[in-house]
Each structure stands twice: as structure tokens, then as C-alpha cells.
């Protein structure tokens, strides 16, 4: 009976974590480039009272054994890299990735980070940076006075047109890919970091080596589906309630058993 209490408690714990994950997805429904997180669970060790196929008293092999589970636990939280909704912004430095890939970012400490957030800016030196001010790698400098004359081709080529109509190429965007993008570590600020699980980064021009192309004047919004998340939230709530009910029933049965000796 006590085992059932701990089993139900583990069920309440995993549903609580599930709600935390869903709440974070809903909180970032309007975050540019955000990818929803999925919580994955697994069952715990089993108490095996009789092995499947063991010999029964009459000499026959039992068709099934007796195994009692110990509950559930969180095994991983996985980023789902399905495409997000594209929003037309009409802003020259809003760039969406159509397909696989990430923008590579240089952090002040020399570390590399990666993002799908294409809401770019120009800093005081004309450097192409993210909304947080981190420079895009490789470094690209654009004359701030030519902001409305910037053109970004699908292959990442950036050109600027001057006052008399002459165009010049000022940079080439690169995209990063990983063998296992779900293995990237989330660091906040729309940034992801390479890990041993993600594999080694591969850099290529947009449209090459499996990377997506660039769409100018557009932003990729979150891939969170609010309706699906709300359904998952209700399911998690009901599962939590049922597990709490199992604990209550177990406690009542224990009370009944203790009353037998009174």
C-alpha cells in the first residue's frame, strides 16, 4: 500500500514539471524564433514478483509475469524545431530563416551562440547585431545612413544602394547547422549553445549544405500552438488530480487497515 503512495506522488511530480514546461511555451508564444519545448517521461523500475515465462505450480510456463511499476520520471526536455509562423514586418533588417539553420552570434566573452531570432539592428559603429547587441558572425558593417536601401538576397548576400542608385555588396550571412539541434543548450535571450549532444557546428551560406534561405522583411515567430498547449495543460491538470486522488484512496485504505486492530 505504501508503494502506491510513492508511485502516485511521482505521477504528481512529473505532471507538475509538465505544467512548468507548458507554461514556458505559452509565455513565449510571441517570442521571435522561439521553439516549443516538449517534456518526455519514462516509467520507473518495476518490482518483479514473478518473471514472465516462469514455471507455475502445475509445471506450465506462465504466459505473463507479475510486475508492479514504481511510477514515472522526467527523462528529457526536447526542443521541437518545426517552422514558426512568418510575420511580414516591412523592416529591412528583419530576417527569417526558411528552413534549417541558425544565425551565429559572437558574445563579449568570446563564446559563440546561435539563434533563430532574425530581428537585427545596427549598433553605433554600423555593425549588424541582435536585439541584445551581440554581433552577428561573420562581422558585417553597414552604413547606418543607408538603412532603407539595404537588400538581403535569399543566399544571404547583403547589398546597399547609395543615393545615386549604385549598389555594393557589404557582407555575406552564414547559417549554422548541427547534427542534433535538439541537443543545443538553451541559455535565455533567444540564444542556444553548442554541446556534446548537439554535435559540431557546420557553417554554410544560406541555401547550401542543407541550410535554409533568408527572407527579408519577415520575422519567424514562435512555433507554439496555443490551442494544443491549452489541451496539454488541461490533460496535465486532470492527471495531477487523479494522482492526488490515488494518494487519498491509499491513505483511506491504510486507515481502514489500521482500524482492524482496534
Protein backbone atom coordinates (compact mmCIF):
# COMPACT_ATOMS: atom_id res chain seq x y z
CA UNK A 1 0.00 0.00 0.00
CA UNK A 2 2.83 2.42 0.85
CA UNK A 3 4.36 1.77 -2.61
CA UNK A 4 1.18 3.07 -4.22
CA UNK A 5 1.53 6.35 -2.33
CA UNK A 6 5.05 6.92 -3.65
CA UNK A 7 4.02 5.87 -7.16
CA UNK A 8 1.16 8.36 -7.23
CA UNK A 9 3.45 11.05 -5.77
CA UNK A 10 5.89 10.53 -8.66
CA UNK A 11 2.95 10.99 -11.04
CA UNK A 12 2.08 14.30 -9.38
CA UNK A 13 5.71 15.42 -9.64
CA UNK A 14 6.04 14.74 -13.37
CA UNK A 15 2.73 16.48 -14.11
CA UNK A 16 3.94 19.49 -12.14
CA UNK A 17 7.05 19.58 -14.35
CA UNK A 18 4.84 19.16 -17.40
CA UNK A 19 2.84 22.23 -16.38
CA UNK A 20 6.09 24.19 -15.92
CA UNK A 21 7.16 23.32 -19.48
CA UNK A 22 3.75 24.18 -20.95
CA UNK A 23 3.67 27.49 -19.04
CA UNK A 24 7.05 28.45 -20.51
CA UNK A 25 5.80 27.63 -24.01
CA UNK A 26 2.73 29.80 -23.53
CA UNK A 27 4.80 32.63 -22.05
CA UNK A 28 6.92 32.68 -25.22
CA UNK A 29 4.10 32.45 -27.74
CA UNK A 30 5.10 35.84 -29.21
CA UNK A 31 8.88 35.42 -28.86
CA UNK A 32 10.65 35.65 -32.22
CA UNK A 33 12.40 32.41 -33.18
CA UNK A 34 11.27 30.55 -30.06
CA UNK A 35 10.89 26.78 -30.40
CA UNK A 36 8.48 24.97 -28.12
CA UNK A 37 9.81 22.53 -25.55
CA UNK A 38 8.37 19.05 -25.12
CA UNK A 39 8.72 17.16 -21.84
CA UNK A 40 9.41 13.44 -22.22
CA UNK A 41 8.78 10.97 -19.41
CA UNK A 42 9.57 7.32 -18.71
CA UNK A 43 8.35 4.69 -16.28
CA UNK A 44 10.48 3.78 -13.27
CA UNK A 45 11.84 0.42 -12.09
CA UNK A 46 9.44 -2.48 -11.70
CA UNK A 47 9.05 -4.77 -8.74
CA UNK A 48 9.05 -8.22 -10.35
CA UNK A 49 7.13 -10.71 -8.22
CA UNK A 50 7.13 -13.35 -10.95
CA UNK A 51 9.13 -13.42 -14.16
CA UNK A 52 7.19 -13.77 -17.42
CA UNK A 53 7.53 -17.38 -18.59
CA UNK A 54 8.37 -18.71 -15.14
CA UNK A 55 7.21 -22.24 -14.23
CA UNK A 56 3.85 -22.31 -12.44
CA UNK A 57 2.86 -24.85 -9.77
CA UNK A 58 1.32 -27.21 -12.32
CA UNK A 59 4.50 -27.26 -14.37
CA UNK A 60 3.34 -24.97 -17.16
CA UNK A 61 5.08 -21.80 -18.27
CA UNK A 62 3.19 -18.71 -17.10
CA UNK A 63 2.09 -16.61 -20.12
CA UNK A 64 2.70 -13.41 -18.19
CA UNK A 65 4.53 -12.41 -15.05
CA UNK A 66 3.70 -10.18 -12.09
CA UNK A 67 5.36 -6.77 -12.37
CA UNK A 68 4.41 -3.69 -10.37
CA UNK A 69 5.65 -0.30 -11.54
CA UNK A 70 7.12 2.44 -9.39
CA UNK A 71 5.76 5.50 -11.17
CA UNK A 72 7.21 7.95 -13.69
CA UNK A 73 10.08 10.41 -14.02
CA UNK A 74 11.28 13.13 -16.38
CA UNK A 75 13.79 11.82 -18.91
CA UNK A 76 14.34 14.90 -21.10
CA UNK A 77 13.01 18.21 -22.36
CA UNK A 78 13.29 18.39 -26.13
CA UNK A 79 13.21 21.45 -28.40
CA UNK A 80 10.82 20.96 -31.33
CA UNK A 81 12.31 22.73 -34.37
CA UNK A 82 9.24 22.86 -36.56
CA UNK A 83 8.82 26.13 -38.54
CA UNK A 84 7.23 29.07 -36.78
CA UNK A 85 4.67 31.47 -38.21
CA UNK A 86 6.17 34.05 -40.57
CA UNK A 87 5.19 37.66 -39.93
CA UNK A 88 5.55 40.39 -42.55
CA UNK A 89 7.21 43.42 -40.93
CA UNK A 90 8.39 45.57 -43.87
CA UNK A 91 11.59 46.26 -41.93
CA UNK A 92 14.79 45.80 -43.92
CA UNK A 93 16.77 44.19 -41.10
CA UNK A 94 14.10 41.68 -40.10
CA UNK A 95 15.35 38.36 -41.48
CA UNK A 96 13.64 34.97 -41.30
CA UNK A 97 15.31 31.63 -41.96
CA UNK A 98 13.23 29.48 -44.31
CA UNK A 99 14.42 26.01 -43.41
CA UNK A 100 17.19 24.67 -41.19
CA UNK A 101 19.91 26.77 -39.66
CA UNK A 102 20.78 29.38 -37.05
CA UNK A 103 22.45 32.76 -37.05
CA UNK A 104 25.84 32.59 -35.33
CA UNK A 105 26.45 35.24 -32.67
CA UNK A 106 29.69 36.48 -31.07
CA UNK A 107 29.33 37.03 -27.32
CA UNK A 108 31.50 39.54 -25.39
CA UNK A 109 33.34 36.67 -23.63
CA UNK A 110 34.44 35.21 -26.97
CA UNK A 111 31.92 32.38 -26.89
CA UNK A 112 29.72 31.52 -29.84
CA UNK A 113 25.93 31.32 -29.54
CA UNK A 114 23.15 30.57 -32.03
CA UNK A 115 19.68 31.99 -32.58
CA UNK A 116 16.68 31.83 -34.92
CA UNK A 117 15.67 35.37 -33.94
CA UNK A 118 16.26 37.45 -37.05
CA UNK A 119 15.29 40.85 -35.65
CA UNK A 120 18.62 42.53 -36.47
CA UNK A 121 19.81 46.02 -35.61
CA UNK A 122 22.76 48.29 -36.38
CA UNK A 123 24.91 49.48 -33.49
CA UNK A 124 26.71 52.83 -33.25
CA UNK A 125 29.54 51.51 -35.45
CA UNK A 126 27.22 50.17 -38.13
CA UNK A 127 27.79 46.56 -37.05
CA UNK A 128 24.94 44.11 -37.64
CA UNK A 129 23.82 42.96 -34.20
CA UNK A 130 20.95 41.17 -32.47
CA UNK A 131 18.33 42.98 -30.41
CA UNK A 132 20.55 42.34 -27.34
CA UNK A 133 23.53 43.99 -29.07
CA UNK A 134 25.54 40.83 -29.85
CA UNK A 135 27.39 40.93 -33.15
CA UNK A 136 26.44 38.55 -35.95
CA UNK A 137 29.26 36.28 -37.15
CA UNK A 138 30.93 36.84 -39.54
CA UNK A 139 31.03 40.56 -38.78
CA UNK A 140 29.08 42.77 -41.20
CA UNK A 141 29.27 46.58 -41.25
CA UNK A 142 26.57 48.66 -42.92
CA UNK A 143 26.40 52.42 -43.28
CA UNK A 144 23.59 53.44 -40.93
CA UNK A 145 22.58 56.23 -43.30
CA UNK A 146 21.69 53.60 -45.90
CA UNK A 147 19.33 51.68 -43.64
CA UNK A 148 16.35 51.95 -46.02
CA UNK A 149 18.48 50.89 -49.01
CA UNK A 150 19.55 47.53 -47.62
CA UNK A 151 18.72 44.41 -49.62
CA UNK A 152 19.28 40.85 -48.41
CA UNK A 153 19.14 38.10 -51.02
CA UNK A 154 17.89 34.56 -50.26
CA UNK A 155 21.52 33.37 -50.31
CA UNK A 156 22.43 35.84 -47.55
CA UNK A 157 24.19 38.39 -49.74
CA UNK A 158 23.74 41.90 -48.32
CA UNK A 159 23.88 44.85 -50.69
CA UNK A 160 23.43 48.58 -50.12
CA UNK A 161 22.21 51.13 -52.65
CA UNK A 162 23.54 54.68 -52.42
CA UNK A 163 21.80 57.94 -53.25
CA UNK A 164 22.56 57.77 -56.97
CA UNK A 165 21.44 54.15 -57.36
CA UNK A 166 24.80 52.37 -57.24
CA UNK A 167 24.79 49.08 -55.35
CA UNK A 168 27.66 47.44 -53.47
CA UNK A 169 27.95 44.19 -51.56
CA UNK A 170 28.77 44.77 -47.88
CA UNK A 171 28.62 41.27 -46.45
CA UNK A 172 27.53 37.64 -46.65
CA UNK A 173 25.43 35.98 -43.98
CA UNK A 174 26.24 32.45 -42.88
CA UNK A 175 24.00 29.90 -41.21
CA UNK A 176 24.95 27.22 -38.73
CA UNK A 177 23.66 23.64 -38.65
CA UNK A 178 24.06 20.84 -36.14
CA UNK A 179 23.68 17.05 -36.47
CA UNK A 180 21.29 17.13 -33.48
CA UNK A 181 19.76 20.57 -32.99
CA UNK A 182 17.65 19.26 -30.10
CA UNK A 183 20.89 18.76 -28.17
CA UNK A 184 21.61 22.50 -28.06
CA UNK A 185 21.54 24.12 -24.61
CA UNK A 186 19.07 26.96 -24.07
CA UNK A 187 20.67 29.97 -22.43
CA UNK A 188 17.89 32.56 -22.45
CA UNK A 189 17.85 35.70 -24.56
CA UNK A 190 16.81 33.61 -27.61
CA UNK A 191 20.30 32.07 -27.61
CA UNK A 192 21.35 28.43 -27.91
CA UNK A 193 24.76 26.92 -27.20
CA UNK A 194 26.68 24.03 -28.70
CA UNK A 195 27.04 20.91 -26.54
CA UNK A 196 28.50 17.43 -26.91
CA UNK A 197 24.97 16.19 -27.69
CA UNK A 198 24.34 18.72 -30.47
CA UNK A 199 27.46 17.74 -32.39
CA UNK A 200 29.93 20.03 -34.10
CA UNK A 201 28.63 23.11 -35.88
CA UNK A 202 28.75 23.35 -39.67
CA UNK A 203 28.73 26.81 -41.28
CA UNK A 204 27.50 27.46 -44.80
CA UNK A 205 25.93 30.16 -46.94
CA UNK A 206 22.11 30.14 -46.85
CA UNK A 207 20.73 27.56 -49.26
CA UNK A 208 23.88 25.40 -49.15
CA UNK A 209 24.76 22.23 -47.20
CA UNK A 210 21.17 21.75 -46.08
CA UNK A 211 20.67 25.23 -44.66
CA UNK A 212 17.56 27.29 -45.34
CA UNK A 213 17.35 30.53 -47.27
CA UNK A 214 16.82 34.08 -45.99
CA UNK A 215 13.56 36.03 -46.30
CA UNK A 216 13.91 39.80 -45.82
CA UNK A 217 11.25 42.00 -44.19
CA UNK A 218 9.94 38.99 -42.24
CA UNK A 219 10.26 37.52 -38.76
CA UNK A 220 9.78 33.93 -37.69
CA UNK A 221 7.53 33.88 -34.65
CA UNK A 222 7.18 31.11 -32.08
CA UNK A 223 6.04 27.66 -33.23
CA UNK A 224 3.84 27.33 -30.13
CA UNK A 225 0.26 26.34 -30.92
CA UNK A 226 -1.82 27.90 -28.15
CA UNK A 227 -4.77 25.52 -28.58
CA UNK A 228 -2.56 22.42 -28.36
CA UNK A 229 -0.75 23.79 -25.32
CA UNK A 230 -4.05 24.52 -23.55
CA UNK A 231 -5.25 20.97 -24.25
CA UNK A 232 -1.97 19.62 -22.86
CA UNK A 233 -2.38 21.90 -19.83
CA UNK A 234 -5.87 20.54 -19.12
CA UNK A 235 -4.63 16.96 -19.55
CA UNK A 236 -1.76 17.58 -17.13
CA UNK A 237 -4.14 19.14 -14.60
CA UNK A 238 -6.52 16.16 -14.77
CA UNK A 239 -3.64 13.70 -14.45
CA UNK A 240 -2.38 15.60 -11.40
CA UNK A 241 -5.84 15.45 -9.82
CA UNK A 242 -6.17 11.71 -10.49
CA UNK A 243 -2.77 11.01 -8.94
CA UNK A 244 -3.69 13.07 -5.89
CA UNK A 245 -6.90 11.05 -5.69
CA UNK A 246 -4.85 7.83 -5.74
CA UNK A 247 -2.87 9.09 -2.75
CA UNK A 248 -6.09 9.90 -0.92
CA UNK A 249 -7.50 6.43 -1.64
CA UNK A 250 -4.28 4.80 -0.49
CA UNK A 251 -4.38 6.79 2.73
CA UNK A 252 -8.00 5.79 3.35
CA UNK A 253 -7.17 2.12 2.77
CA UNK A 254 -4.28 2.36 5.24
CA UNK A 255 -6.63 3.92 7.77
CA UNK A 256 -9.11 1.08 7.28
CA UNK A 257 -6.36 -1.49 7.75
CA UNK A 258 -5.14 0.17 10.96
CA UNK A 259 -8.70 0.23 12.32
CA UNK A 260 -8.92 -3.56 12.09
CA UNK A 261 -6.80 -3.99 15.25
CA UNK A 262 -8.78 -1.53 17.33
